[in-house]
Structure formats: structure tokens, C-alpha cells
């Protein structure tokens, strides 16, 4: 009987992120069983689930910025949450640790002209894992 050599699997990008920080839990999958991205946001006041076009993703030189709207008001503005995903390569189906940040942005809006800063940021440190799963 001849021993088989382990096959080297090429490194891949993760498609599932599970992260948490101060009173915040985030799960983000770039594609689910339905072929759409899924994003779950949980803080002390609410649990929100987003899918498909409700999730916005932009590639930047510092990583991928994934954003969802967590609160919207007609007359005063809204709040978004953005997750900054660093570039990660993982071999096979391994899970790797991740440290990153989440940015909660309060967007001020008024029907009357306002001057000054209109976006206000709160940064939360997040830790967790990234992995490649097959749906």
C-alpha cells in the first residue's frame, strides 16, 4: 500500500464572518444557500437581519466595507452600520481569527439647510472568525 501525499489546496477568501465586540454581534456571509449575501446585526436594543440588496459592499484599499441601514427616520436622518473586512486568505476549510472594526454612523438630516458636520461615528472593535464554508 502506497501512502498518499496530502493535496495542497489553494488559499481562498472567506465567505462567512462571525464577529463580536462591546454589546454587538455580527454575522456576515457573502453568499447563502439562496445565492444572496446575508448580514445579521445584534446590539442591546435590536436584532436585524438583512439580505441581498439591503447589504452594500465596496472594495477599498484598506479592505471591504460592508454597510447596512439599521435605523431610518423620514425627517431627522438615519443610522448605518459598516463592517470593515480585512483581506484574508485561508487554506481549505479552515477557520482563521479576525480583528477588525465596526463603524456606526449617525447621519443628520434636515429639511432646512444645516451647516457643519452631518455624519458622526462610533467605532467598535470586533473580534471573531472568518471561514470558507460551502452552502
N, C-alpha and C. Protein backbone atom coordinates (compact mmCIF):
# COMPACT_ATOMS: atom_id res chain seq x y z
N UNK A 1 0.84 -1.17 0.00
CA UNK A 1 0.00 0.00 0.00
C UNK A 1 0.89 1.24 0.00
N UNK A 2 0.55 2.16 -0.85
CA UNK A 2 1.36 3.36 -1.01
C UNK A 2 0.70 4.52 -0.27
N UNK A 3 1.51 5.29 0.46
CA UNK A 3 0.98 6.44 1.20
C UNK A 3 0.61 7.54 0.22
N UNK A 4 -0.50 8.19 0.49
CA UNK A 4 -0.90 9.30 -0.38
C UNK A 4 -0.39 10.60 0.21
N UNK A 5 0.02 11.46 -0.66
CA UNK A 5 0.50 12.77 -0.26
C UNK A 5 -0.70 13.70 -0.06
N UNK A 6 -0.67 14.54 0.97
CA UNK A 6 -1.77 15.50 1.13
C UNK A 6 -1.77 16.46 -0.06
N UNK A 7 -2.95 16.79 -0.51
CA UNK A 7 -3.05 17.75 -1.61
C UNK A 7 -3.04 19.15 -1.03
N UNK A 8 -2.31 20.00 -1.69
CA UNK A 8 -2.28 21.40 -1.27
C UNK A 8 -3.46 22.12 -1.89
N UNK A 9 -4.35 22.59 -1.04
CA UNK A 9 -5.49 23.32 -1.54
C UNK A 9 -5.11 24.78 -1.68
N UNK A 10 -5.54 25.42 -2.76
CA UNK A 10 -5.20 26.83 -2.92
C UNK A 10 -5.90 27.67 -1.85
N UNK A 11 -5.25 28.74 -1.47
CA UNK A 11 -5.85 29.66 -0.49
C UNK A 11 -7.06 30.33 -1.11
N UNK A 12 -8.10 30.52 -0.30
CA UNK A 12 -9.33 31.13 -0.78
C UNK A 12 -9.73 32.26 0.17
N UNK A 13 -10.65 33.07 -0.29
CA UNK A 13 -11.16 34.12 0.57
C UNK A 13 -12.32 33.57 1.38
N UNK A 14 -12.50 34.05 2.61
CA UNK A 14 -13.61 33.58 3.44
C UNK A 14 -14.96 34.04 2.88
N UNK A 15 -16.00 33.31 3.23
CA UNK A 15 -17.35 33.74 2.85
C UNK A 15 -18.29 33.80 4.05
N UNK A 16 -17.75 33.53 5.25
CA UNK A 16 -18.54 33.63 6.47
C UNK A 16 -17.71 34.28 7.57
N UNK A 17 -18.26 35.33 8.17
CA UNK A 17 -17.59 36.07 9.24
C UNK A 17 -18.51 36.09 10.45
N UNK A 18 -17.97 35.75 11.61
CA UNK A 18 -18.72 35.83 12.86
C UNK A 18 -17.89 36.66 13.82
N UNK A 19 -18.42 37.83 14.18
CA UNK A 19 -17.65 38.82 14.93
C UNK A 19 -18.48 39.38 16.08
N UNK A 20 -17.77 39.78 17.13
CA UNK A 20 -18.45 40.41 18.26
C UNK A 20 -17.54 41.42 18.91
N UNK A 21 -18.18 42.38 19.58
CA UNK A 21 -17.47 43.43 20.30
C UNK A 21 -18.39 43.91 21.39
N UNK A 22 -18.12 45.07 21.93
CA UNK A 22 -18.89 45.61 23.05
C UNK A 22 -20.38 45.68 22.70
N UNK A 23 -21.16 44.77 23.29
CA UNK A 23 -22.62 44.71 23.12
C UNK A 23 -23.06 44.59 21.66
N UNK A 24 -22.25 43.97 20.82
CA UNK A 24 -22.53 43.89 19.40
C UNK A 24 -22.13 42.52 18.86
N UNK A 25 -23.03 41.90 18.10
CA UNK A 25 -22.74 40.62 17.45
C UNK A 25 -23.11 40.75 15.97
N UNK A 26 -22.16 40.34 15.11
CA UNK A 26 -22.34 40.45 13.67
C UNK A 26 -22.05 39.09 13.04
N UNK A 27 -22.92 38.68 12.13
CA UNK A 27 -22.65 37.52 11.28
C UNK A 27 -22.88 37.98 9.85
N UNK A 28 -21.88 37.74 9.00
CA UNK A 28 -21.99 38.15 7.61
C UNK A 28 -21.53 37.01 6.71
N UNK A 29 -22.39 36.62 5.78
CA UNK A 29 -21.99 35.64 4.77
C UNK A 29 -22.12 36.29 3.40
N UNK A 30 -21.09 36.13 2.59
CA UNK A 30 -21.08 36.76 1.28
C UNK A 30 -22.06 36.10 0.32
N UNK A 31 -22.45 34.88 0.63
CA UNK A 31 -23.43 34.16 -0.19
C UNK A 31 -24.03 33.05 0.65
N UNK A 32 -25.35 32.94 0.61
CA UNK A 32 -26.03 31.90 1.36
C UNK A 32 -26.53 30.80 0.44
N UNK A 33 -27.34 29.92 0.96
CA UNK A 33 -27.89 28.83 0.17
C UNK A 33 -28.75 29.35 -0.98
N UNK A 34 -29.28 30.56 -0.81
CA UNK A 34 -30.11 31.20 -1.84
C UNK A 34 -29.27 32.01 -2.84
N UNK A 35 -27.93 32.01 -2.66
CA UNK A 35 -27.04 32.74 -3.55
C UNK A 35 -26.90 34.21 -3.22
N UNK A 36 -27.57 34.68 -2.17
CA UNK A 36 -27.54 36.09 -1.78
C UNK A 36 -26.71 36.27 -0.52
N UNK A 37 -26.12 37.47 -0.33
CA UNK A 37 -25.42 37.75 0.93
C UNK A 37 -26.43 37.89 2.07
N UNK A 38 -25.96 37.59 3.29
CA UNK A 38 -26.79 37.71 4.49
C UNK A 38 -25.98 38.42 5.56
N UNK A 39 -26.64 39.30 6.32
CA UNK A 39 -25.98 40.09 7.36
C UNK A 39 -26.91 40.13 8.56
N UNK A 40 -26.41 39.72 9.71
CA UNK A 40 -27.18 39.77 10.95
C UNK A 40 -26.50 40.74 11.91
N UNK A 41 -27.27 41.68 12.43
CA UNK A 41 -26.78 42.72 13.33
C UNK A 41 -27.56 42.60 14.64
N UNK A 42 -26.82 42.52 15.76
CA UNK A 42 -27.49 42.46 17.06
C UNK A 42 -26.76 43.36 18.04
N UNK A 43 -27.51 44.32 18.62
CA UNK A 43 -26.98 45.14 19.70
C UNK A 43 -27.91 44.98 20.90
N UNK A 44 -27.79 45.83 21.91
CA UNK A 44 -28.61 45.68 23.12
C UNK A 44 -30.09 45.95 22.87
N UNK A 45 -30.41 46.75 21.85
CA UNK A 45 -31.80 47.12 21.60
C UNK A 45 -32.50 46.32 20.52
N UNK A 46 -31.74 45.77 19.58
CA UNK A 46 -32.40 45.17 18.43
C UNK A 46 -31.57 44.07 17.78
N UNK A 47 -32.29 43.21 17.08
CA UNK A 47 -31.68 42.20 16.21
C UNK A 47 -32.27 42.41 14.83
N UNK A 48 -31.40 42.62 13.85
CA UNK A 48 -31.84 42.89 12.48
C UNK A 48 -31.17 41.93 11.52
N UNK A 49 -31.93 41.45 10.54
CA UNK A 49 -31.40 40.57 9.51
C UNK A 49 -31.58 41.22 8.14
N UNK A 50 -30.52 41.20 7.35
CA UNK A 50 -30.52 41.81 6.03
C UNK A 50 -30.13 40.77 5.00
N UNK A 51 -30.62 40.95 3.78
CA UNK A 51 -30.26 40.04 2.71
C UNK A 51 -30.22 40.78 1.37
N UNK A 52 -29.46 40.24 0.44
CA UNK A 52 -29.43 40.77 -0.92
C UNK A 52 -29.06 42.23 -1.02
N UNK A 53 -29.92 43.01 -1.69
CA UNK A 53 -29.66 44.43 -1.97
C UNK A 53 -29.70 45.32 -0.73
N UNK A 54 -30.16 44.80 0.40
CA UNK A 54 -30.15 45.58 1.64
C UNK A 54 -28.73 45.74 2.19
N UNK A 55 -27.81 44.96 1.63
CA UNK A 55 -26.40 44.96 2.05
C UNK A 55 -25.58 45.62 0.94
N UNK A 56 -24.80 46.64 1.32
CA UNK A 56 -23.97 47.33 0.36
C UNK A 56 -22.50 47.00 0.65
N UNK A 57 -21.75 46.72 -0.40
CA UNK A 57 -20.35 46.33 -0.23
C UNK A 57 -19.48 47.10 -1.21
N UNK A 58 -18.37 47.66 -0.68
CA UNK A 58 -17.45 48.45 -1.50
C UNK A 58 -16.03 48.00 -1.20
N UNK A 59 -15.27 47.68 -2.25
CA UNK A 59 -13.85 47.35 -2.11
C UNK A 59 -13.05 48.64 -1.98
N UNK A 60 -12.19 48.72 -0.96
CA UNK A 60 -11.31 49.88 -0.80
C UNK A 60 -9.89 49.38 -0.61
N UNK A 61 -8.94 50.27 -0.58
CA UNK A 61 -7.55 49.84 -0.39
C UNK A 61 -7.27 49.37 1.03
N UNK A 62 -8.16 49.65 1.97
CA UNK A 62 -7.95 49.17 3.34
C UNK A 62 -8.82 47.95 3.67
N UNK A 63 -9.57 47.47 2.70
CA UNK A 63 -10.42 46.30 2.91
C UNK A 63 -11.78 46.51 2.29
N UNK A 64 -12.68 45.59 2.57
CA UNK A 64 -14.04 45.67 2.04
C UNK A 64 -14.94 46.30 3.10
N UNK A 65 -15.68 47.31 2.71
CA UNK A 65 -16.60 47.98 3.61
C UNK A 65 -18.02 47.48 3.30
N UNK A 66 -18.62 46.80 4.28
CA UNK A 66 -19.96 46.22 4.12
C UNK A 66 -20.90 47.03 5.02
N UNK A 67 -21.95 47.62 4.44
CA UNK A 67 -22.83 48.52 5.19
C UNK A 67 -24.29 48.12 5.10
N UNK A 68 -25.02 48.37 6.19
CA UNK A 68 -26.46 48.18 6.25
C UNK A 68 -27.06 49.37 6.99
N UNK A 69 -28.33 49.67 6.68
CA UNK A 69 -29.03 50.74 7.37
C UNK A 69 -29.78 50.13 8.55
N UNK A 70 -29.40 50.54 9.77
CA UNK A 70 -30.01 49.94 10.96
C UNK A 70 -31.13 50.80 11.54
N UNK A 71 -31.25 52.05 11.10
CA UNK A 71 -32.33 52.92 11.58
C UNK A 71 -32.54 54.01 10.54
N UNK A 72 -33.80 54.24 10.18
CA UNK A 72 -34.09 55.29 9.21
C UNK A 72 -35.30 56.08 9.69
N UNK A 73 -35.14 57.40 9.69
CA UNK A 73 -36.26 58.27 10.01
C UNK A 73 -36.47 59.21 8.84
N UNK A 74 -37.68 59.61 8.62
CA UNK A 74 -38.02 60.43 7.47
C UNK A 74 -37.48 61.85 7.60
N UNK A 75 -37.54 62.40 8.80
CA UNK A 75 -37.24 63.83 8.94
C UNK A 75 -35.93 64.17 9.64
N UNK A 76 -35.27 63.23 10.29
CA UNK A 76 -34.05 63.60 11.02
C UNK A 76 -32.80 62.86 10.55
N UNK A 77 -32.91 61.90 9.67
CA UNK A 77 -31.74 61.19 9.19
C UNK A 77 -31.84 59.71 9.49
N UNK A 78 -30.71 59.07 9.61
CA UNK A 78 -30.71 57.63 9.86
C UNK A 78 -29.39 57.19 10.43
N UNK A 79 -29.27 55.88 10.62
CA UNK A 79 -28.06 55.30 11.17
C UNK A 79 -27.66 54.10 10.33
N UNK A 80 -26.38 54.05 9.98
CA UNK A 80 -25.86 52.89 9.26
C UNK A 80 -24.81 52.20 10.12
N UNK A 81 -24.61 50.93 9.83
CA UNK A 81 -23.52 50.19 10.45
C UNK A 81 -22.66 49.66 9.32
N UNK A 82 -21.35 49.89 9.43
CA UNK A 82 -20.41 49.43 8.41
C UNK A 82 -19.36 48.53 9.06
N UNK A 83 -19.10 47.42 8.41
CA UNK A 83 -18.11 46.46 8.86
C UNK A 83 -16.93 46.54 7.91
N UNK A 84 -15.73 46.74 8.46
CA UNK A 84 -14.53 46.77 7.65
C UNK A 84 -13.89 45.39 7.68
N UNK A 85 -13.87 44.73 6.51
CA UNK A 85 -13.30 43.39 6.42
C UNK A 85 -11.90 43.46 5.82
N UNK A 86 -10.90 43.00 6.57
CA UNK A 86 -9.54 43.00 6.03
C UNK A 86 -9.40 41.90 4.97
N UNK A 87 -8.38 42.03 4.14
CA UNK A 87 -8.11 40.98 3.16
C UNK A 87 -7.60 39.75 3.90
N UNK A 88 -8.16 38.60 3.58
CA UNK A 88 -7.81 37.35 4.26
C UNK A 88 -7.71 36.25 3.22
N UNK A 89 -6.70 35.42 3.33
CA UNK A 89 -6.58 34.20 2.53
C UNK A 89 -6.53 33.03 3.50
N UNK A 90 -7.36 32.03 3.26
CA UNK A 90 -7.35 30.86 4.14
C UNK A 90 -7.19 29.60 3.31
N UNK A 91 -6.43 28.65 3.81
CA UNK A 91 -6.28 27.38 3.10
C UNK A 91 -7.45 26.45 3.39
N UNK A 92 -8.03 25.90 2.34
CA UNK A 92 -9.08 24.90 2.52
C UNK A 92 -10.28 25.42 3.28
N UNK A 93 -10.74 24.61 4.23
CA UNK A 93 -11.93 24.96 5.01
C UNK A 93 -11.58 25.37 6.44
N UNK A 94 -10.42 25.92 6.63
CA UNK A 94 -10.02 26.32 7.97
C UNK A 94 -10.73 27.59 8.42
N UNK A 95 -10.72 27.77 9.73
CA UNK A 95 -11.23 28.99 10.34
C UNK A 95 -10.03 29.79 10.83
N UNK A 96 -10.03 31.08 10.55
CA UNK A 96 -8.93 31.92 11.00
C UNK A 96 -9.47 33.05 11.87
N UNK A 97 -8.69 33.49 12.86
CA UNK A 97 -9.14 34.60 13.71
C UNK A 97 -9.09 35.92 12.96
N UNK A 98 -10.00 36.82 13.33
CA UNK A 98 -10.09 38.13 12.68
C UNK A 98 -10.25 39.20 13.75
N UNK A 99 -9.55 40.31 13.56
CA UNK A 99 -9.74 41.52 14.36
C UNK A 99 -10.01 42.65 13.40
N UNK A 100 -11.07 43.39 13.68
CA UNK A 100 -11.42 44.48 12.78
C UNK A 100 -12.26 45.50 13.54
N UNK A 101 -12.94 46.36 12.81
CA UNK A 101 -13.79 47.37 13.44
C UNK A 101 -15.16 47.42 12.76
N UNK A 102 -16.12 47.87 13.53
CA UNK A 102 -17.44 48.20 13.02
C UNK A 102 -17.65 49.68 13.26
N UNK A 103 -18.28 50.36 12.33
CA UNK A 103 -18.49 51.80 12.44
C UNK A 103 -19.99 52.09 12.38
N UNK A 104 -20.50 52.64 13.46
CA UNK A 104 -21.90 53.07 13.49
C UNK A 104 -21.90 54.55 13.15
N UNK A 105 -22.65 54.92 12.11
CA UNK A 105 -22.67 56.30 11.65
C UNK A 105 -24.07 56.89 11.79
N UNK A 106 -24.15 57.96 12.54
CA UNK A 106 -25.39 58.72 12.68
C UNK A 106 -25.37 59.80 11.61
N UNK A 107 -26.35 59.76 10.71
CA UNK A 107 -26.45 60.72 9.60
C UNK A 107 -27.52 61.75 9.96
N UNK A 108 -27.12 62.99 10.11
CA UNK A 108 -28.06 64.07 10.41
C UNK A 108 -28.69 64.57 9.12
N UNK A 109 -29.98 64.78 9.17
CA UNK A 109 -30.72 65.27 8.02
C UNK A 109 -31.70 66.33 8.49
N UNK A 110 -31.93 67.31 7.67
CA UNK A 110 -32.93 68.33 7.98
C UNK A 110 -33.52 68.85 6.68
N UNK A 111 -34.79 69.18 6.72
CA UNK A 111 -35.42 69.79 5.55
C UNK A 111 -34.94 71.23 5.38
N UNK A 112 -34.45 71.82 6.47
CA UNK A 112 -33.87 73.16 6.42
C UNK A 112 -32.37 73.03 6.21
N UNK A 113 -31.74 74.00 5.54
CA UNK A 113 -30.29 73.93 5.35
C UNK A 113 -29.56 73.94 6.70
N UNK A 114 -28.63 73.02 6.87
CA UNK A 114 -27.82 72.99 8.08
C UNK A 114 -26.35 73.04 7.69
N UNK A 115 -25.55 73.62 8.55
CA UNK A 115 -24.13 73.69 8.26
C UNK A 115 -23.39 72.88 9.31
N UNK A 116 -22.16 72.58 9.01
CA UNK A 116 -21.34 71.82 9.95
C UNK A 116 -21.38 70.32 9.65
N UNK A 117 -20.79 69.58 10.54
CA UNK A 117 -20.68 68.13 10.39
C UNK A 117 -22.06 67.48 10.41
N UNK A 118 -22.28 66.55 9.48
CA UNK A 118 -23.58 65.89 9.40
C UNK A 118 -23.49 64.39 9.67
N UNK A 119 -22.29 63.83 9.69
CA UNK A 119 -22.10 62.40 9.97
C UNK A 119 -21.24 62.26 11.23
N UNK A 120 -21.69 61.41 12.16
CA UNK A 120 -20.99 61.21 13.43
C UNK A 120 -20.74 59.72 13.62
N UNK A 121 -19.52 59.37 14.01
CA UNK A 121 -19.08 57.98 14.01
C UNK A 121 -18.81 57.45 15.41
N UNK A 122 -19.18 56.19 15.62
CA UNK A 122 -18.78 55.45 16.80
C UNK A 122 -18.12 54.17 16.31
N UNK A 123 -16.89 53.94 16.75
CA UNK A 123 -16.12 52.78 16.30
C UNK A 123 -16.14 51.71 17.39
N UNK A 124 -16.41 50.48 16.99
CA UNK A 124 -16.40 49.34 17.91
C UNK A 124 -15.37 48.32 17.43
N UNK A 125 -14.48 47.92 18.31
CA UNK A 125 -13.52 46.86 17.98
C UNK A 125 -14.25 45.53 17.96
N UNK A 126 -13.98 44.74 16.94
CA UNK A 126 -14.63 43.45 16.78
C UNK A 126 -13.59 42.35 16.67
N UNK A 127 -13.91 41.19 17.23
CA UNK A 127 -13.06 40.01 17.14
C UNK A 127 -13.93 38.82 16.80
N UNK A 128 -13.34 37.88 16.13
CA UNK A 128 -14.11 36.68 15.80
C UNK A 128 -13.36 35.81 14.82
N UNK A 129 -14.12 35.27 13.86
CA UNK A 129 -13.52 34.32 12.94
C UNK A 129 -14.03 34.54 11.53
N UNK A 130 -13.20 34.07 10.60
CA UNK A 130 -13.56 34.05 9.18
C UNK A 130 -13.31 32.63 8.69
N UNK A 131 -14.19 32.15 7.85
CA UNK A 131 -14.00 30.81 7.31
C UNK A 131 -14.61 30.67 5.94
N UNK A 132 -14.24 29.60 5.28
CA UNK A 132 -14.80 29.28 3.96
C UNK A 132 -15.72 28.09 4.17
N UNK A 133 -17.00 28.30 3.91
CA UNK A 133 -17.98 27.23 4.05
C UNK A 133 -18.66 27.01 2.70
N UNK A 134 -19.25 25.84 2.54
CA UNK A 134 -19.93 25.51 1.31
C UNK A 134 -21.41 25.35 1.59
N UNK A 135 -22.24 26.15 0.94
CA UNK A 135 -23.67 26.12 1.17
C UNK A 135 -24.34 25.17 0.21
